[in-house]
C-alpha atoms as a PDB file:
ATOM      1  CA  MET A   1     106.307  84.330 127.351  1.00  0.00           C
ATOM      2  CA  ARG A   2     108.768  87.206 126.991  1.00  0.00           C
ATOM      3  CA  ILE A   3     110.416  87.104 123.567  1.00  0.00           C
ATOM      4  CA  ALA A   4     113.460  89.027 122.360  1.00  0.00           C
ATOM      5  CA  PHE A   5     112.944  89.661 118.626  1.00  0.00           C
ATOM      6  CA  TYR A   6     115.688  90.445 116.114  1.00  0.00           C
ATOM      7  CA  ALA A   7     115.774  90.816 112.320  1.00  0.00           C
ATOM      8  CA  PRO A   8     119.395  90.995 111.108  1.00  0.00           C
ATOM      9  CA  LEU A   9     118.520  91.696 107.473  1.00  0.00           C
ATOM     10  CA  LYS A  10     116.245  94.661 108.170  1.00  0.00           C
ATOM     11  CA  SER A  11     114.808  95.880 111.441  1.00  0.00           C
ATOM     12  CA  PRO A  12     111.021  96.299 111.654  1.00  0.00           C
ATOM     13  CA  THR A  13     111.763  99.950 112.478  1.00  0.00           C
ATOM     14  CA  HIS A  14     113.872 100.543 109.329  1.00  0.00           C
ATOM     15  CA  PRO A  15     112.689 103.669 107.428  1.00  0.00           C
ATOM     16  CA  VAL A  16     112.712 102.022 103.983  1.00  0.00           C
ATOM     17  CA  PRO A  17     109.682  99.824 103.185  1.00  0.00           C
ATOM     18  CA  SER A  18     110.331  96.276 101.982  1.00  0.00           C
ATOM     19  CA  GLY A  19     108.949  92.787 102.190  1.00  0.00           C
ATOM     20  CA  ASP A  20     111.464  91.873 104.902  1.00  0.00           C
ATOM     21  CA  ARG A  21     110.458  94.815 107.070  1.00  0.00           C
ATOM     22  CA  ARG A  22     106.792  93.965 106.573  1.00  0.00           C
ATOM     23  CA  MET A  23     107.355  90.307 107.450  1.00  0.00           C
ATOM     24  CA  ALA A  24     109.276  91.247 110.595  1.00  0.00           C
ATOM     25  CA  ARG A  25     106.433  93.486 111.702  1.00  0.00           C
ATOM     26  CA  LEU A  26     103.831  90.840 110.948  1.00  0.00           C
ATOM     27  CA  LEU A  27     105.732  88.169 112.885  1.00  0.00           C
ATOM     28  CA  MET A  28     106.013  90.472 115.883  1.00  0.00           C
ATOM     29  CA  ALA A  29     102.286  91.200 115.652  1.00  0.00           C
ATOM     30  CA  ALA A  30     101.493  87.494 115.349  1.00  0.00           C
ATOM     31  CA  LEU A  31     103.554  86.668 118.443  1.00  0.00           C
ATOM     32  CA  GLU A  32     101.887  89.472 120.370  1.00  0.00           C
ATOM     33  CA  GLY A  33      98.503  88.296 119.136  1.00  0.00           C
ATOM     34  CA  ALA A  34      99.288  84.884 120.589  1.00  0.00           C
ATOM     35  CA  GLY A  35      99.691  86.497 124.002  1.00  0.00           C
ATOM     36  CA  HIS A  36     103.471  86.912 124.193  1.00  0.00           C
ATOM     37  CA  ALA A  37     105.357  90.040 125.274  1.00  0.00           C
ATOM     38  CA  VAL A  38     107.683  90.878 122.362  1.00  0.00           C
ATOM     39  CA  THR A  39     110.659  93.239 122.658  1.00  0.00           C
ATOM     40  CA  LEU A  40     112.829  94.370 119.742  1.00  0.00           C
ATOM     41  CA  ALA A  41     116.253  93.354 120.999  1.00  0.00           C
ATOM     42  CA  CYS A  42     118.471  95.248 118.565  1.00  0.00           C
ATOM     43  CA  ARG A  43     118.364  97.263 115.332  1.00  0.00           C
ATOM     44  CA  LEU A  44     121.835  96.313 114.059  1.00  0.00           C
ATOM     45  CA  ARG A  45     121.654  95.459 110.355  1.00  0.00           C
ATOM     46  CA  SER A  46     124.130  92.701 109.495  1.00  0.00           C
ATOM     47  CA  TRP A  47     123.585  92.874 105.722  1.00  0.00           C
ATOM     48  CA  ASP A  48     126.833  92.296 103.823  1.00  0.00           C
ATOM     49  CA  ASP A  49     126.892  92.407 100.023  1.00  0.00           C
ATOM     50  CA  GLY A  50     130.338  90.813  99.915  1.00  0.00           C
ATOM     51  CA  ARG A  51     131.917  93.773  98.125  1.00  0.00           C
ATOM     52  CA  ARG A  52     133.651  95.393 101.097  1.00  0.00           C
ATOM     53  CA  PRO A  53     136.559  93.379 102.531  1.00  0.00           C
ATOM     54  CA  GLY A  54     136.513  93.163 106.310  1.00  0.00           C
ATOM     55  CA  ARG A  55     132.864  94.173 106.678  1.00  0.00           C
ATOM     56  CA  ALA A  56     131.835  90.787 108.084  1.00  0.00           C
ATOM     57  CA  GLU A  57     134.524  91.002 110.740  1.00  0.00           C
ATOM     58  CA  ARG A  58     133.458  94.540 111.694  1.00  0.00           C
ATOM     59  CA  LEU A  59     129.837  93.443 111.940  1.00  0.00           C
ATOM     60  CA  ALA A  60     130.849  90.456 114.061  1.00  0.00           C
ATOM     61  CA  ALA A  61     132.658  92.787 116.467  1.00  0.00           C
ATOM     62  CA  LEU A  62     129.644  95.115 116.614  1.00  0.00           C
ATOM     63  CA  GLY A  63     127.397  92.139 117.238  1.00  0.00           C
ATOM     64  CA  ALA A  64     129.597  90.954 120.108  1.00  0.00           C
ATOM     65  CA  ARG A  65     129.383  94.381 121.757  1.00  0.00           C
ATOM     66  CA  CYS A  66     125.597  94.420 121.317  1.00  0.00           C
ATOM     67  CA  ALA A  67     125.404  90.962 122.904  1.00  0.00           C
ATOM     68  CA  ASP A  68     127.453  92.211 125.863  1.00  0.00           C
ATOM     69  CA  ARG A  69     125.168  95.219 126.353  1.00  0.00           C
ATOM     70  CA  LEU A  70     122.020  93.078 126.183  1.00  0.00           C
ATOM     71  CA  THR A  71     123.517  90.599 128.641  1.00  0.00           C
ATOM     72  CA  ALA A  72     124.201  93.417 131.089  1.00  0.00           C
ATOM     73  CA  ARG A  73     120.754  94.956 130.557  1.00  0.00           C
ATOM     74  CA  TRP A  74     118.890  91.698 131.076  1.00  0.00           C
ATOM     75  CA  ARG A  75     121.157  90.170 133.728  1.00  0.00           C
ATOM     76  CA  ASP A  76     118.459  90.152 136.413  1.00  0.00           C
ATOM     77  CA  ASP A  77     115.446  89.658 134.138  1.00  0.00           C
ATOM     78  CA  PRO A  78     116.304  87.853 130.888  1.00  0.00           C
ATOM     79  CA  PRO A  79     113.739  87.019 128.191  1.00  0.00           C
ATOM     80  CA  ASP A  80     112.304  83.526 127.951  1.00  0.00           C
ATOM     81  CA  LEU A  81     113.187  83.039 124.291  1.00  0.00           C
ATOM     82  CA  TRP A  82     115.166  84.668 121.478  1.00  0.00           C
ATOM     83  CA  PHE A  83     113.473  84.867 118.059  1.00  0.00           C
ATOM     84  CA  THR A  84     115.441  85.795 114.917  1.00  0.00           C
ATOM     85  CA  TYR A  85     113.744  86.434 111.590  1.00  0.00           C
ATOM     86  CA  HIS A  86     115.517  85.806 108.245  1.00  0.00           C
ATOM     87  CA  LEU A  87     118.951  84.378 108.748  1.00  0.00           C
ATOM     88  CA  TYR A  88     121.390  83.527 105.943  1.00  0.00           C
ATOM     89  CA  HIS A  89     124.961  84.090 104.748  1.00  0.00           C
ATOM     90  CA  LYS A  90     124.418  87.731 103.732  1.00  0.00           C
ATOM     91  CA  ALA A  91     122.665  88.605 106.999  1.00  0.00           C
ATOM     92  CA  PRO A  92     123.877  86.315 109.813  1.00  0.00           C
ATOM     93  CA  ASP A  93     122.904  86.739 113.440  1.00  0.00           C
ATOM     94  CA  TRP A  94     125.964  87.931 115.345  1.00  0.00           C
ATOM     95  CA  ILE A  95     123.960  88.600 118.540  1.00  0.00           C
ATOM     96  CA  GLY A  96     121.201  86.105 119.327  1.00  0.00           C
ATOM     97  CA  PRO A  97     123.213  82.883 119.663  1.00  0.00           C
ATOM     98  CA  ALA A  98     125.578  84.443 122.214  1.00  0.00           C
ATOM     99  CA  VAL A  99     122.790  85.991 124.298  1.00  0.00           C
ATOM    100  CA  SER A 100     120.801  82.736 124.218  1.00  0.00           C
ATOM    101  CA  ARG A 101     123.786  80.695 125.403  1.00  0.00           C
ATOM    102  CA  ARG A 102     124.563  83.078 128.261  1.00  0.00           C
ATOM    103  CA  PHE A 103     121.016  82.975 129.604  1.00  0.00           C
ATOM    104  CA  GLY A 104     120.318  79.359 128.711  1.00  0.00           C
ATOM    105  CA  ILE A 105     117.185  80.255 126.742  1.00  0.00           C
ATOM    106  CA  PRO A 106     115.880  78.707 123.493  1.00  0.00           C
ATOM    107  CA  TYR A 107     117.129  80.245 120.259  1.00  0.00           C
ATOM    108  CA  VAL A 108     114.480  80.161 117.513  1.00  0.00           C
ATOM    109  CA  VAL A 109     114.867  81.208 113.886  1.00  0.00           C
ATOM    110  CA  ALA A 110     112.221  81.897 111.249  1.00  0.00           C
ATOM    111  CA  GLU A 111     113.151  81.716 107.566  1.00  0.00           C
ATOM    112  CA  ALA A 112     116.698  80.436 107.810  1.00  0.00           C
ATOM    113  CA  SER A 113     118.526  79.329 104.686  1.00  0.00           C
ATOM    114  CA  PHE A 114     121.862  77.611 104.165  1.00  0.00           C
ATOM    115  CA  ALA A 115     123.816  77.246 100.924  1.00  0.00           C
ATOM    116  CA  ALA A 116     126.910  75.022 101.094  1.00  0.00           C
ATOM    117  CA  LYS A 117     128.388  76.724  98.009  1.00  0.00           C
ATOM    118  CA  ARG A 118     128.952  79.889 100.093  1.00  0.00           C
ATOM    119  CA  ALA A 119     131.510  78.154 102.331  1.00  0.00           C
ATOM    120  CA  THR A 120     134.288  79.954 100.452  1.00  0.00           C
ATOM    121  CA  GLY A 121     134.469  83.372  98.895  1.00  0.00           C
ATOM    122  CA  PRO A 122     133.294  86.784 100.100  1.00  0.00           C
ATOM    123  CA  PHE A 123     130.446  85.344 102.194  1.00  0.00           C
ATOM    124  CA  ALA A 124     132.500  82.705 104.026  1.00  0.00           C
ATOM    125  CA  ALA A 125     132.352  84.452 107.429  1.00  0.00           C
ATOM    126  CA  GLY A 126     128.619  85.038 107.201  1.00  0.00           C
ATOM    127  CA  HIS A 127     128.151  81.460 106.014  1.00  0.00           C
ATOM    128  CA  ARG A 128     129.945  80.084 109.081  1.00  0.00           C
ATOM    129  CA  ALA A 129     127.954  82.325 111.422  1.00  0.00           C
ATOM    130  CA  ALA A 130     124.655  81.309 109.831  1.00  0.00           C
ATOM    131  CA  GLU A 131     125.590  77.633 110.064  1.00  0.00           C
ATOM    132  CA  ALA A 132     126.499  77.937 113.753  1.00  0.00           C
ATOM    133  CA  ALA A 133     123.234  79.753 114.526  1.00  0.00           C
ATOM    134  CA  ILE A 134     121.116  77.157 112.707  1.00  0.00           C
ATOM    135  CA  ARG A 135     122.902  74.306 114.497  1.00  0.00           C
ATOM    136  CA  GLN A 136     122.183  75.979 117.834  1.00  0.00           C
ATOM    137  CA  ALA A 137     118.512  76.612 117.073  1.00  0.00           C
ATOM    138  CA  ALA A 138     115.934  74.895 119.235  1.00  0.00           C
ATOM    139  CA  ALA A 139     113.543  75.328 116.289  1.00  0.00           C
ATOM    140  CA  VAL A 140     113.650  76.704 112.759  1.00  0.00           C
ATOM    141  CA  VAL A 141     110.336  77.994 111.462  1.00  0.00           C
ATOM    142  CA  ASN A 142     110.262  77.168 107.756  1.00  0.00           C
ATOM    143  CA  LEU A 143     108.346  79.718 105.673  1.00  0.00           C
ATOM    144  CA  ALA A 144     109.775  78.862 102.241  1.00  0.00           C
ATOM    145  CA  GLY A 145     109.705  75.137 101.495  1.00  0.00           C
ATOM    146  CA  HIS A 146     112.843  75.183  99.356  1.00  0.00           C
ATOM    147  CA  ASP A 147     114.989  76.235 102.361  1.00  0.00           C
ATOM    148  CA  ALA A 148     114.331  72.968 104.193  1.00  0.00           C
ATOM    149  CA  GLU A 149     116.789  70.927 102.124  1.00  0.00           C
ATOM    150  CA  GLY A 150     119.782  72.994 103.216  1.00  0.00           C
ATOM    151  CA  VAL A 151     118.684  73.531 106.813  1.00  0.00           C
ATOM    152  CA  LEU A 152     117.595  70.019 107.847  1.00  0.00           C
ATOM    153  CA  PRO A 153     121.090  68.432 107.880  1.00  0.00           C
ATOM    154  CA  LEU A 154     122.234  71.064 110.389  1.00  0.00           C
ATOM    155  CA  LEU A 155     119.502  70.413 112.944  1.00  0.00           C
ATOM    156  CA  ARG A 156     119.886  67.970 115.827  1.00  0.00           C
ATOM    157  CA  SER A 157     116.640  66.296 114.830  1.00  0.00           C
ATOM    158  CA  PRO A 158     114.189  66.732 111.927  1.00  0.00           C
ATOM    159  CA  ASP A 159     111.380  67.736 114.265  1.00  0.00           C
ATOM    160  CA  ARG A 160     113.208  70.992 114.971  1.00  0.00           C
ATOM    161  CA  LEU A 161     112.111  72.186 111.545  1.00  0.00           C
ATOM    162  CA  VAL A 162     108.621  73.629 111.980  1.00  0.00           C
ATOM    163  CA  ARG A 163     106.727  74.283 108.753  1.00  0.00           C
ATOM    164  CA  LEU A 164     104.458  77.295 108.961  1.00  0.00           C
ATOM    165  CA  ARG A 165     101.788  77.649 106.304  1.00  0.00           C
ATOM    166  CA  PRO A 166     100.751  81.142 105.126  1.00  0.00           C
ATOM    167  CA  PHE A 167      98.076  82.768 107.235  1.00  0.00           C
ATOM    168  CA  LEU A 168      96.296  86.086 107.249  1.00  0.00           C
ATOM    169  CA  ASP A 169      94.250  88.279 109.551  1.00  0.00           C
ATOM    170  CA  THR A 170      91.168  88.625 107.365  1.00  0.00           C
ATOM    171  CA  ARG A 171      89.371  91.183 109.527  1.00  0.00           C
ATOM    172  CA  PRO A 172      90.699  94.337 107.751  1.00  0.00           C
ATOM    173  CA  PHE A 173      89.841  92.840 104.364  1.00  0.00           C
ATOM    174  CA  ALA A 174      86.371  91.834 105.465  1.00  0.00           C
ATOM    175  CA  ALA A 175      85.742  95.340 106.790  1.00  0.00           C
ATOM    176  CA  ALA A 176      86.964  96.957 103.557  1.00  0.00           C
ATOM    177  CA  ALA A 177      85.056  94.492 101.371  1.00  0.00           C
ATOM    178  CA  ALA A 178      81.843  95.505 103.102  1.00  0.00           C
ATOM    179  CA  GLU A 179      82.316  99.004 101.680  1.00  0.00           C
ATOM    180  CA  ARG A 180      83.808  98.004  98.330  1.00  0.00           C
ATOM    181  CA  ASP A 181      81.453 100.131  96.211  1.00  0.00           C
ATOM    182  CA  ARG A 182      82.107 103.264  98.250  1.00  0.00           C
ATOM    183  CA  HIS A 183      85.892 102.827  98.105  1.00  0.00           C
ATOM    184  CA  ARG A 184      85.847 102.140  94.380  1.00  0.00           C
ATOM    185  CA  ALA A 185      83.653 105.145  93.622  1.00  0.00           C
ATOM    186  CA  ALA A 186      85.839 107.430  95.741  1.00  0.00           C
ATOM    187  CA  LEU A 187      89.056 106.328  94.011  1.00  0.00           C
ATOM    188  CA  ALA A 188      87.466 106.592  90.584  1.00  0.00           C
ATOM    189  CA  GLU A 189      86.336 110.142  91.272  1.00  0.00           C
ATOM    190  CA  ARG A 190      89.599 111.244  92.842  1.00  0.00           C
ATOM    191  CA  TYR A 191      91.895 109.905  90.110  1.00  0.00           C
ATOM    192  CA  GLY A 192      89.655 110.086  87.079  1.00  0.00           C
ATOM    193  CA  LEU A 193      89.343 106.327  86.655  1.00  0.00           C
ATOM    194  CA  ASP A 194      86.592 104.457  84.867  1.00  0.00           C
ATOM    195  CA  PRO A 195      84.733 102.362  87.472  1.00  0.00           C
ATOM    196  CA  ASP A 196      83.236 100.178  84.737  1.00  0.00           C
ATOM    197  CA  VAL A 197      86.512  98.552  83.637  1.00  0.00           C
ATOM    198  CA  PRO A 198      88.742  96.126  85.576  1.00  0.00           C
ATOM    199  CA  TRP A 199      91.564  97.623  87.647  1.00  0.00           C
ATOM    200  CA  LEU A 200      94.784  95.718  88.359  1.00  0.00           C
ATOM    201  CA  LEU A 201      96.896  96.416  91.443  1.00  0.00           C
ATOM    202  CA  ALA A 202     100.548  95.303  91.508  1.00  0.00           C
ATOM    203  CA  VAL A 203     102.677  96.317  94.483  1.00  0.00           C
ATOM    204  CA  GLY A 204     106.435  95.956  94.726  1.00  0.00           C
ATOM    205  CA  MET A 205     109.716  97.814  95.155  1.00  0.00           C
ATOM    206  CA  MET A 206     110.881  99.340  91.874  1.00  0.00           C
ATOM    207  CA  ARG A 207     114.630  98.809  91.887  1.00  0.00           C
ATOM    208  CA  GLY A 208     117.222  97.177  89.696  1.00  0.00           C
ATOM    209  CA  GLY A 209     117.889  93.467  89.312  1.00  0.00           C
ATOM    210  CA  ASP A 210     115.150  90.874  89.664  1.00  0.00           C
ATOM    211  CA  LYS A 211     112.564  93.481  90.703  1.00  0.00           C
ATOM    212  CA  GLU A 212     113.142  95.522  87.539  1.00  0.00           C
ATOM    213  CA  ARG A 213     113.022  92.392  85.407  1.00  0.00           C
ATOM    214  CA  SER A 214     109.702  91.456  87.005  1.00  0.00           C
ATOM    215  CA  TYR A 215     108.253  94.771  85.905  1.00  0.00           C
ATOM    216  CA  GLU A 216     109.669  94.274  82.401  1.00  0.00           C
ATOM    217  CA  ILE A 217     107.842  90.949  82.184  1.00  0.00           C
ATOM    218  CA  LEU A 218     104.672  92.485  83.554  1.00  0.00           C
ATOM    219  CA  ALA A 219     104.893  95.395  81.114  1.00  0.00           C
ATOM    220  CA  GLU A 220     105.317  92.953  78.242  1.00  0.00           C
ATOM    221  CA  ALA A 221     102.318  90.960  79.421  1.00  0.00           C
ATOM    222  CA  LEU A 222     100.225  94.123  79.577  1.00  0.00           C
ATOM    223  CA  SER A 223     101.300  95.385  76.143  1.00  0.00           C
ATOM    224  CA  PRO A 224      98.124  96.104  74.188  1.00  0.00           C
ATOM    225  CA  SER A 225      97.409  94.272  70.984  1.00  0.00           C
ATOM    226  CA  PRO A 226      96.615  96.366  67.875  1.00  0.00           C
ATOM    227  CA  ALA A 227      92.917  95.940  68.691  1.00  0.00           C
ATOM    228  CA  GLN A 228      93.477  97.347  72.188  1.00  0.00           C
ATOM    229  CA  LEU A 229      95.695 100.342  71.444  1.00  0.00           C
ATOM    230  CA  SER A 230      92.929 102.707  72.498  1.00  0.00           C
ATOM    231  CA  ARG A 231      92.960 101.170  75.984  1.00  0.00           C
ATOM    232  CA  LYS A 232      96.570 101.377  77.146  1.00  0.00           C
ATOM    233  CA  PRO A 233      97.430 100.426  80.729  1.00  0.00           C
ATOM    234  CA  GLU A 234      98.622 103.001  83.207  1.00  0.00           C
ATOM    235  CA  VAL A 235     101.987 102.468  84.870  1.00  0.00           C
ATOM    236  CA  CYS A 236     103.059 103.617  88.312  1.00  0.00           C
ATOM    237  CA  ALA A 237     106.772 104.148  88.989  1.00  0.00           C
ATOM    238  CA  ASP A 238     108.654 104.528  92.254  1.00  0.00           C
ATOM    239  CA  ALA A 239     110.695 107.691  92.726  1.00  0.00           C
ATOM    240  CA  ALA A 240     113.963 105.752  93.032  1.00  0.00           C
ATOM    241  CA  GLY A 241     113.456 103.027  90.467  1.00  0.00           C
ATOM    242  CA  GLY A 242     111.016 104.660  88.113  1.00  0.00           C
ATOM    243  CA  PRO A 243     113.153 105.714  85.130  1.00  0.00           C
ATOM    244  CA  PRO A 244     114.399 102.240  84.105  1.00  0.00           C
ATOM    245  CA  VAL A 245     110.901 100.832  84.545  1.00  0.00           C
ATOM    246  CA  ARG A 246     109.426 103.679  82.518  1.00  0.00           C
ATOM    247  CA  ARG A 247     111.919 103.041  79.720  1.00  0.00           C
ATOM    248  CA  GLU A 248     111.004  99.367  79.620  1.00  0.00           C
ATOM    249  CA  ARG A 249     107.347 100.280  79.778  1.00  0.00           C
ATOM    250  CA  GLY A 250     107.845 102.504  76.733  1.00  0.00           C
ATOM    251  CA  ARG A 251     109.432  99.659  74.778  1.00  0.00           C
ATOM    252  CA  ALA A 252     106.497  97.462  75.711  1.00  0.00           C
ATOM    253  CA  GLY A 253     104.080  99.976  74.219  1.00  0.00           C
ATOM    254  CA  VAL A 254     102.420 101.026  77.460  1.00  0.00           C
ATOM    255  CA  GLY A 255     101.417 104.666  77.182  1.00  0.00           C
ATOM    256  CA  ALA A 256     101.855 107.413  79.764  1.00  0.00           C
ATOM    257  CA  THR A 257     100.438 110.930  79.536  1.00  0.00           C
ATOM    258  CA  ARG A 258      99.617 112.066  83.055  1.00  0.00           C
ATOM    259  CA  SER A 259     100.873 111.766  86.622  1.00  0.00           C
ATOM    260  CA  TYR A 260      99.198 111.480  90.004  1.00  0.00           C
ATOM    261  CA  ALA A 261     100.382 111.417  93.593  1.00  0.00           C
ATOM    262  CA  LEU A 262      98.889 108.604  95.639  1.00  0.00           C
ATOM    263  CA  PRO A 263      99.165 108.153  99.412  1.00  0.00           C
ATOM    264  CA  THR A 264     101.595 105.640 100.833  1.00  0.00           C
ATOM    265  CA  VAL A 265     100.687 101.978 101.038  1.00  0.00           C
ATOM    266  CA  GLY A 266      99.546 102.081 104.652  1.00  0.00           C
ATOM    267  CA  PRO A 267      96.647 104.531 104.267  1.00  0.00           C
ATOM    268  CA  LEU A 268      95.815 103.328 100.765  1.00  0.00           C
ATOM    269  CA  SER A 269      95.602  99.701 101.881  1.00  0.00           C
ATOM    270  CA  ARG A 270      92.397 100.487 103.722  1.00  0.00           C
ATOM    271  CA  SER A 271      90.711 101.285 100.423  1.00  0.00           C
ATOM    272  CA  THR A 272      92.470  98.736  98.199  1.00  0.00           C
ATOM    273  CA  ALA A 273      91.523  95.654 100.195  1.00  0.00           C
ATOM    274  CA  TRP A 274      88.258  95.493  98.260  1.00  0.00           C
ATOM    275  CA  VAL A 275      89.974  94.911  94.902  1.00  0.00           C
ATOM    276  CA  THR A 276      88.928  91.552  93.469  1.00  0.00           C
ATOM    277  CA  ILE A 277      90.804  89.312  91.080  1.00  0.00           C
ATOM    278  CA  SER A 278      88.867  88.562  87.929  1.00  0.00           C
ATOM    279  CA  CYS A 279      89.486  87.841  84.251  1.00  0.00           C
ATOM    280  CA  SER A 280      88.347  90.259  81.602  1.00  0.00           C
ATOM    281  CA  PRO A 281      89.049  90.992  77.939  1.00  0.00           C
ATOM    282  CA  SER A 282      89.896  94.559  78.974  1.00  0.00           C
ATOM    283  CA  PRO A 283      93.629  95.090  79.593  1.00  0.00           C
ATOM    284  CA  PRO A 284      94.797  95.485  83.206  1.00  0.00           C
ATOM    285  CA  ALA A 285      95.699  99.017  84.000  1.00  0.00           C
ATOM    286  CA  LEU A 286      98.191  99.818  86.716  1.00  0.00           C
ATOM    287  CA  LEU A 287     101.636  98.850  87.994  1.00  0.00           C
ATOM    288  CA  CYS A 288     102.717 100.267  91.313  1.00  0.00           C
ATOM    289  CA  SER A 289     105.537 100.601  93.821  1.00  0.00           C
ATOM    290  CA  SER A 290     105.264 100.018  97.553  1.00  0.00           C
ATOM    291  CA  ARG A 291     107.159 103.217  98.393  1.00  0.00           C
ATOM    292  CA  ARG A 292     106.012 106.502  96.878  1.00  0.00           C
ATOM    293  CA  TRP A 293     103.238 105.863  94.416  1.00  0.00           C
ATOM    294  CA  ARG A 294     102.908 107.745  91.129  1.00  0.00           C
ATOM    295  CA  MET A 295     100.324 106.706  88.583  1.00  0.00           C
ATOM    296  CA  ARG A 296     101.290 107.496  85.024  1.00  0.00           C
ATOM    297  CA  GLY A 297      99.375 106.720  81.886  1.00  0.00           C
ATOM    298  CA  SER A 298      96.514 107.493  79.617  1.00  0.00           C
ATOM    299  CA  GLN A 299      93.606 105.471  80.882  1.00  0.00           C
ATOM    300  CA  LYS A 300      92.274 103.161  83.568  1.00  0.00           C
ATOM    301  CA  ALA A 301      93.967 101.706  86.623  1.00  0.00           C
ATOM    302  CA  ARG A 302      93.930  98.974  89.199  1.00  0.00           C
ATOM    303  CA  MET A 303      96.609  97.369  91.336  1.00  0.00           C
ATOM    304  CA  TRP A 304      97.018  94.237  93.400  1.00  0.00           C
ATOM    305  CA  PRO A 305      99.736  92.348  95.309  1.00  0.00           C
ATOM    306  CA  ALA A 306      98.832  89.064  93.651  1.00  0.00           C
ATOM    307  CA  VAL A 307      98.733  86.590  96.495  1.00  0.00           C
ATOM    308  CA  SER A 308      95.995  84.008  96.351  1.00  0.00           C
ATOM    309  CA  ILE A 309      95.441  83.880 100.105  1.00  0.00           C
ATOM    310  CA  THR A 310      94.841  87.634 100.157  1.00  0.00           C
ATOM    311  CA  ALA A 311      92.532  87.438  97.155  1.00  0.00           C
ATOM    312  CA  SER A 312      90.569  84.686  98.839  1.00  0.00           C
ATOM    313  CA  SER A 313      90.060  86.831 101.912  1.00  0.00           C
ATOM    314  CA  CYS A 314      88.430  89.465  99.725  1.00  0.00           C
ATOM    315  CA  GLY A 315      86.050  87.016  98.097  1.00  0.00           C
END
């Protein structure tokens, strides 16, 4: 099947790393792995923070022009299906529904959400567009269970909501786990870490709002007790969001005396897949960002994107 793929919130080719970009890439890879031919239909980002009057209308007009261009491009050879990832009032799909109607092909959405309270206010236009797209959908792939309550009433029948459980390609983890000792020894030597203490790996964007608060909570949880003051955790801060996180880290009593430069997540992931999750009386040691990594601190380190399915794949 030939699939036209679109991610209105953030294109899989966007230069800034994020969970949405990663998910878009993984969904494309999963579809290709299932034997489909996947084409990125458009890179238009429809994100609207609601602070700029008229932005939704401008994006709608841009989306209409993109739909016209795609219709002309595919007139003699249209795709078999349109697939949109992450659709909601702040990032509606101004393109896919129109293209799907013109070619008479199924319109499928993954991770759609609908909040009735957004019917008025700065997100009203995006809310209406998201509602129309969900109503048109031949199927909505539900990744987050809490979205189902708002989406189900808009579907023609309940069976159009397809629940997709988390899954993972375990092959890279299995390959890395086979050389766990070598990877651990190499990282310990390169960054002056103690291989005999637990390392904790935490990966996430360091920016304001909920992300910053998450790091505040984590820093508080890692604050050493008086008996552990000689074993302070190391903290890694992103170049853009580091200062506020570092300030909160300082209030939490997490020390920092030195700085490192680590490779980006992609290359490093090949050597971090071996990290195991285990309990220990020793304090965890490292917080990290998924953009540009900088380890700061006075002692040991370890990081992990704490997802149980990933941990399970590593044993």
